[in-house]
C-alpha atoms as a PDB file:
ATOM      1  CA  MET A   1     -78.642  68.223 112.839  1.00  0.00           C
ATOM      2  CA  THR A   2     -77.482  70.787 110.304  1.00  0.00           C
ATOM      3  CA  ASN A   3     -78.702  74.314 110.994  1.00  0.00           C
ATOM      4  CA  PRO A   4     -81.876  74.643 108.867  1.00  0.00           C
ATOM      5  CA  PHE A   5     -82.030  78.438 108.955  1.00  0.00           C
ATOM      6  CA  THR A   6     -80.712  80.885 106.372  1.00  0.00           C
ATOM      7  CA  GLU A   7     -78.409  83.690 107.505  1.00  0.00           C
ATOM      8  CA  PRO A   8     -81.234  86.291 107.462  1.00  0.00           C
ATOM      9  CA  GLU A   9     -83.504  83.935 109.441  1.00  0.00           C
ATOM     10  CA  THR A  10     -80.749  83.236 111.974  1.00  0.00           C
ATOM     11  CA  ALA A  11     -80.003  86.951 112.396  1.00  0.00           C
ATOM     12  CA  TYR A  12     -83.685  87.740 112.837  1.00  0.00           C
ATOM     13  CA  LEU A  13     -84.301  84.984 115.409  1.00  0.00           C
ATOM     14  CA  ALA A  14     -81.133  85.897 117.327  1.00  0.00           C
ATOM     15  CA  GLY A  15     -82.414  89.468 117.641  1.00  0.00           C
ATOM     16  CA  GLN A  16     -85.782  88.499 119.123  1.00  0.00           C
ATOM     17  CA  ALA A  17     -86.632  87.492 122.688  1.00  0.00           C
ATOM     18  CA  LEU A  18     -90.256  86.390 122.479  1.00  0.00           C
ATOM     19  CA  GLY A  19     -92.127  83.930 120.296  1.00  0.00           C
ATOM     20  CA  ARG A  20     -95.398  82.017 120.362  1.00  0.00           C
ATOM     21  CA  LEU A  21     -95.483  78.262 120.848  1.00  0.00           C
ATOM     22  CA  SER A  22     -98.514  76.333 119.622  1.00  0.00           C
ATOM     23  CA  THR A  23     -99.189  72.830 120.914  1.00  0.00           C
ATOM     24  CA  ILE A  24    -102.080  70.435 120.402  1.00  0.00           C
ATOM     25  CA  GLY A  25    -104.321  69.793 123.400  1.00  0.00           C
ATOM     26  CA  PRO A  26    -105.906  66.445 124.287  1.00  0.00           C
ATOM     27  CA  ASP A  27    -109.144  67.625 122.668  1.00  0.00           C
ATOM     28  CA  GLY A  28    -107.306  68.368 119.405  1.00  0.00           C
ATOM     29  CA  GLU A  29    -107.575  72.120 119.910  1.00  0.00           C
ATOM     30  CA  PRO A  30    -104.536  74.398 119.534  1.00  0.00           C
ATOM     31  CA  HIS A  31    -102.972  75.956 122.623  1.00  0.00           C
ATOM     32  CA  VAL A  32    -100.808  79.052 122.019  1.00  0.00           C
ATOM     33  CA  ARG A  33     -98.566  80.786 124.546  1.00  0.00           C
ATOM     34  CA  PRO A  34     -95.925  83.531 124.408  1.00  0.00           C
ATOM     35  CA  VAL A  35     -92.557  82.076 125.423  1.00  0.00           C
ATOM     36  CA  GLY A  36     -88.931  83.046 125.852  1.00  0.00           C
ATOM     37  CA  PHE A  37     -86.576  81.145 123.583  1.00  0.00           C
ATOM     38  CA  ARG A  38     -82.993  80.581 122.517  1.00  0.00           C
ATOM     39  CA  LEU A  39     -81.789  79.629 119.045  1.00  0.00           C
ATOM     40  CA  ASN A  40     -79.026  77.021 119.337  1.00  0.00           C
ATOM     41  CA  ASP A  41     -76.056  76.725 116.967  1.00  0.00           C
ATOM     42  CA  ASP A  42     -77.419  73.460 115.538  1.00  0.00           C
ATOM     43  CA  GLY A  43     -80.727  75.106 114.594  1.00  0.00           C
ATOM     44  CA  THR A  44     -82.790  73.677 117.421  1.00  0.00           C
ATOM     45  CA  ILE A  45     -84.832  76.089 119.524  1.00  0.00           C
ATOM     46  CA  ASP A  46     -85.045  75.896 123.321  1.00  0.00           C
ATOM     47  CA  ILE A  47     -88.191  77.171 125.037  1.00  0.00           C
ATOM     48  CA  GLY A  48     -88.030  78.207 128.661  1.00  0.00           C
ATOM     49  CA  GLY A  49     -90.406  79.330 131.358  1.00  0.00           C
ATOM     50  CA  PRO A  50     -91.095  79.166 135.064  1.00  0.00           C
ATOM     51  CA  ASP A  51     -91.950  75.657 136.238  1.00  0.00           C
ATOM     52  CA  ASN A  52     -92.112  74.522 132.607  1.00  0.00           C
ATOM     53  CA  ALA A  53     -92.689  70.848 133.489  1.00  0.00           C
ATOM     54  CA  ALA A  54     -95.975  71.727 135.225  1.00  0.00           C
ATOM     55  CA  SER A  55     -97.341  73.722 132.280  1.00  0.00           C
ATOM     56  CA  ARG A  56    -100.139  72.802 129.917  1.00  0.00           C
ATOM     57  CA  LYS A  57     -97.800  73.142 126.921  1.00  0.00           C
ATOM     58  CA  TYR A  58     -95.469  70.563 128.501  1.00  0.00           C
ATOM     59  CA  ARG A  59     -98.343  68.121 129.086  1.00  0.00           C
ATOM     60  CA  ASN A  60     -99.617  68.677 125.544  1.00  0.00           C
ATOM     61  CA  ILE A  61     -96.178  67.842 124.123  1.00  0.00           C
ATOM     62  CA  GLN A  62     -96.004  64.680 126.231  1.00  0.00           C
ATOM     63  CA  ALA A  63     -99.146  63.507 124.410  1.00  0.00           C
ATOM     64  CA  ASP A  64     -98.299  64.893 120.942  1.00  0.00           C
ATOM     65  CA  PRO A  65     -94.837  66.309 120.141  1.00  0.00           C
ATOM     66  CA  ARG A  66     -95.966  68.228 117.034  1.00  0.00           C
ATOM     67  CA  VAL A  67     -95.557  71.978 117.563  1.00  0.00           C
ATOM     68  CA  SER A  68     -95.506  75.241 115.688  1.00  0.00           C
ATOM     69  CA  PHE A  69     -93.373  78.183 116.800  1.00  0.00           C
ATOM     70  CA  LEU A  70     -93.799  81.726 115.475  1.00  0.00           C
ATOM     71  CA  VAL A  71     -91.632  84.814 115.828  1.00  0.00           C
ATOM     72  CA  ASP A  72     -92.830  87.904 113.980  1.00  0.00           C
ATOM     73  CA  ASP A  73     -93.046  91.667 114.175  1.00  0.00           C
ATOM     74  CA  LEU A  74     -93.963  94.726 112.152  1.00  0.00           C
ATOM     75  CA  THR A  75     -91.321  96.993 110.640  1.00  0.00           C
ATOM     76  CA  ALA A  76     -91.649 100.767 110.748  1.00  0.00           C
ATOM     77  CA  PRO A  77     -92.773 102.387 107.482  1.00  0.00           C
ATOM     78  CA  ASP A  78     -89.580 104.480 107.431  1.00  0.00           C
ATOM     79  CA  ASP A  79     -87.135 101.691 108.445  1.00  0.00           C
ATOM     80  CA  PRO A  80     -84.307 101.838 105.868  1.00  0.00           C
ATOM     81  CA  ASP A  81     -83.032  98.388 106.900  1.00  0.00           C
ATOM     82  CA  ALA A  82     -86.373  96.623 106.431  1.00  0.00           C
ATOM     83  CA  VAL A  83     -86.836  94.411 103.381  1.00  0.00           C
ATOM     84  CA  LYS A  84     -90.423  95.705 103.102  1.00  0.00           C
ATOM     85  CA  PRO A  85     -90.820  98.793 105.322  1.00  0.00           C
ATOM     86  CA  GLY A  86     -94.159  98.905 107.121  1.00  0.00           C
ATOM     87  CA  TRP A  87     -94.840  95.220 106.513  1.00  0.00           C
ATOM     88  CA  GLY A  88     -94.805  92.227 108.843  1.00  0.00           C
ATOM     89  CA  ARG A  89     -91.848  89.854 108.850  1.00  0.00           C
ATOM     90  CA  GLY A  90     -91.143  86.638 110.645  1.00  0.00           C
ATOM     91  CA  VAL A  91     -90.254  82.972 110.884  1.00  0.00           C
ATOM     92  CA  GLU A  92     -92.606  80.059 111.502  1.00  0.00           C
ATOM     93  CA  VAL A  93     -91.122  76.720 112.512  1.00  0.00           C
ATOM     94  CA  ARG A  94     -93.118  73.513 112.417  1.00  0.00           C
ATOM     95  CA  GLY A  95     -91.439  70.616 114.116  1.00  0.00           C
ATOM     96  CA  ARG A  96     -91.182  68.063 116.877  1.00  0.00           C
ATOM     97  CA  ALA A  97     -90.561  68.894 120.499  1.00  0.00           C
ATOM     98  CA  GLU A  98     -88.609  66.993 123.099  1.00  0.00           C
ATOM     99  CA  PHE A  99     -87.739  67.655 126.720  1.00  0.00           C
ATOM    100  CA  VAL A 100     -84.255  68.724 127.767  1.00  0.00           C
ATOM    101  CA  LYS A 101     -82.736  69.334 131.195  1.00  0.00           C
ATOM    102  CA  GLY A 102     -80.498  72.382 131.089  1.00  0.00           C
ATOM    103  CA  ARG A 103     -80.167  76.104 131.698  1.00  0.00           C
ATOM    104  CA  MET A 104     -81.303  78.885 129.380  1.00  0.00           C
ATOM    105  CA  HIS A 105     -78.657  81.310 130.721  1.00  0.00           C
ATOM    106  CA  ILE A 106     -81.090  84.142 130.110  1.00  0.00           C
ATOM    107  CA  GLY A 107     -83.520  85.463 132.679  1.00  0.00           C
ATOM    108  CA  GLU A 108     -81.654  83.674 135.471  1.00  0.00           C
ATOM    109  CA  GLY A 109     -84.035  82.707 138.256  1.00  0.00           C
ATOM    110  CA  TYR A 110     -87.045  82.950 135.960  1.00  0.00           C
ATOM    111  CA  PHE A 111     -86.548  79.899 133.752  1.00  0.00           C
ATOM    112  CA  SER A 112     -86.701  76.398 135.188  1.00  0.00           C
ATOM    113  CA  ASP A 113     -84.263  73.645 134.160  1.00  0.00           C
ATOM    114  CA  ASP A 114     -87.048  71.868 132.240  1.00  0.00           C
ATOM    115  CA  LEU A 115     -86.688  73.066 128.667  1.00  0.00           C
ATOM    116  CA  ILE A 116     -88.640  72.243 125.536  1.00  0.00           C
ATOM    117  CA  ARG A 117     -86.437  71.747 122.475  1.00  0.00           C
ATOM    118  CA  ILE A 118     -87.895  72.078 118.987  1.00  0.00           C
ATOM    119  CA  ARG A 119     -86.328  70.169 116.099  1.00  0.00           C
ATOM    120  CA  PRO A 120     -87.484  71.944 112.921  1.00  0.00           C
ATOM    121  CA  VAL A 121     -89.199  69.975 110.156  1.00  0.00           C
ATOM    122  CA  ARG A 122     -90.542  72.888 108.093  1.00  0.00           C
ATOM    123  CA  VAL A 123     -89.433  76.539 108.054  1.00  0.00           C
ATOM    124  CA  ILE A 124     -91.452  79.402 106.589  1.00  0.00           C
ATOM    125  CA  SER A 125     -90.143  82.973 106.581  1.00  0.00           C
ATOM    126  CA  TRP A 126     -91.203  86.223 104.985  1.00  0.00           C
ATOM    127  CA  HIS A 127     -89.783  89.689 104.347  1.00  0.00           C
ATOM    128  CA  LEU A 128     -86.360  88.902 105.845  1.00  0.00           C
ATOM    129  CA  ASP A 129     -84.092  88.322 102.856  1.00  0.00           C
ATOM    130  CA  PRO A 130     -83.545  91.044 100.239  1.00  0.00           C
ATOM    131  CA  ALA A 131     -82.568  88.328  97.732  1.00  0.00           C
ATOM    132  CA  GLY A 132     -86.001  86.707  98.108  1.00  0.00           C
ATOM    133  CA  PRO A 133     -88.208  89.247  99.869  1.00  0.00           C
ATOM    134  CA  ASP A 134     -91.472  87.344  99.855  1.00  0.00           C
ATOM    135  CA  GLN A 135     -92.374  84.056 101.538  1.00  0.00           C
ATOM    136  CA  HIS A 136     -89.705  81.373 101.620  1.00  0.00           C
ATOM    137  CA  ALA A 137     -90.956  77.906 102.698  1.00  0.00           C
ATOM    138  CA  ARG A 138     -89.089  74.614 102.780  1.00  0.00           C
ATOM    139  CA  THR A 139     -89.025  71.222 104.426  1.00  0.00           C
ATOM    140  CA  VAL A 140     -85.748  70.868 106.324  1.00  0.00           C
ATOM    141  CA  ALA A 141     -86.126  67.383 107.838  1.00  0.00           C
ATOM    142  CA  PRO A 142     -88.401  64.392 107.407  1.00  0.00           C
ATOM    143  CA  PRO A 143     -91.330  64.355 109.825  1.00  0.00           C
ATOM    144  CA  ASP A 144     -90.550  62.125 112.781  1.00  0.00           C
ATOM    145  CA  THR A 145     -93.282  59.690 113.626  1.00  0.00           C
ATOM    146  CA  GLY A 146     -91.406  58.205 116.571  1.00  0.00           C
ATOM    147  CA  ALA A 147     -92.011  58.593 120.270  1.00  0.00           C
ATOM    148  CA  LEU A 148     -91.137  61.690 122.226  1.00  0.00           C
ATOM    149  CA  GLY A 149     -87.541  61.827 123.390  1.00  0.00           C
ATOM    150  CA  SER A 150     -85.892  63.321 126.426  1.00  0.00           C
ATOM    151  CA  VAL A 151     -82.239  64.312 126.721  1.00  0.00           C
ATOM    152  CA  ASN A 152     -79.842  66.190 128.979  1.00  0.00           C
ATOM    153  CA  ALA A 153     -78.443  69.458 127.656  1.00  0.00           C
ATOM    154  CA  GLY A 154     -75.193  68.715 129.431  1.00  0.00           C
END
């Protein structure tokens, strides 16, 4: 997979530690949780947590791998480095999740070896890039209609 993120999106995600993962429950209702994450060099995103395999988000993904992941914050009104000072900024990733065995290498002892890996299909960002300061949305991969996969992180 080619990294689907722009340089400003990559820099922003690399500087954040917390995002929100949305999964679809068996009743069709959304389920949203704050999660620790890591952006990988290939543009996939690994989600960690304690005893991840026993979580509701994990069970939801087993039934339906479609997910949405959001990282956002609010810039200070006097932040000279902000594209739009005082405004919100962020990245939303819509994609497919799979299960991966591996280590996060952050928060040692807190994250289990059962990771959730997101493969982006659509990326939406806003107020990150001075060259295009407003919303930037694009499809980065065809939607996968196949079954959920599971791999080893190595």
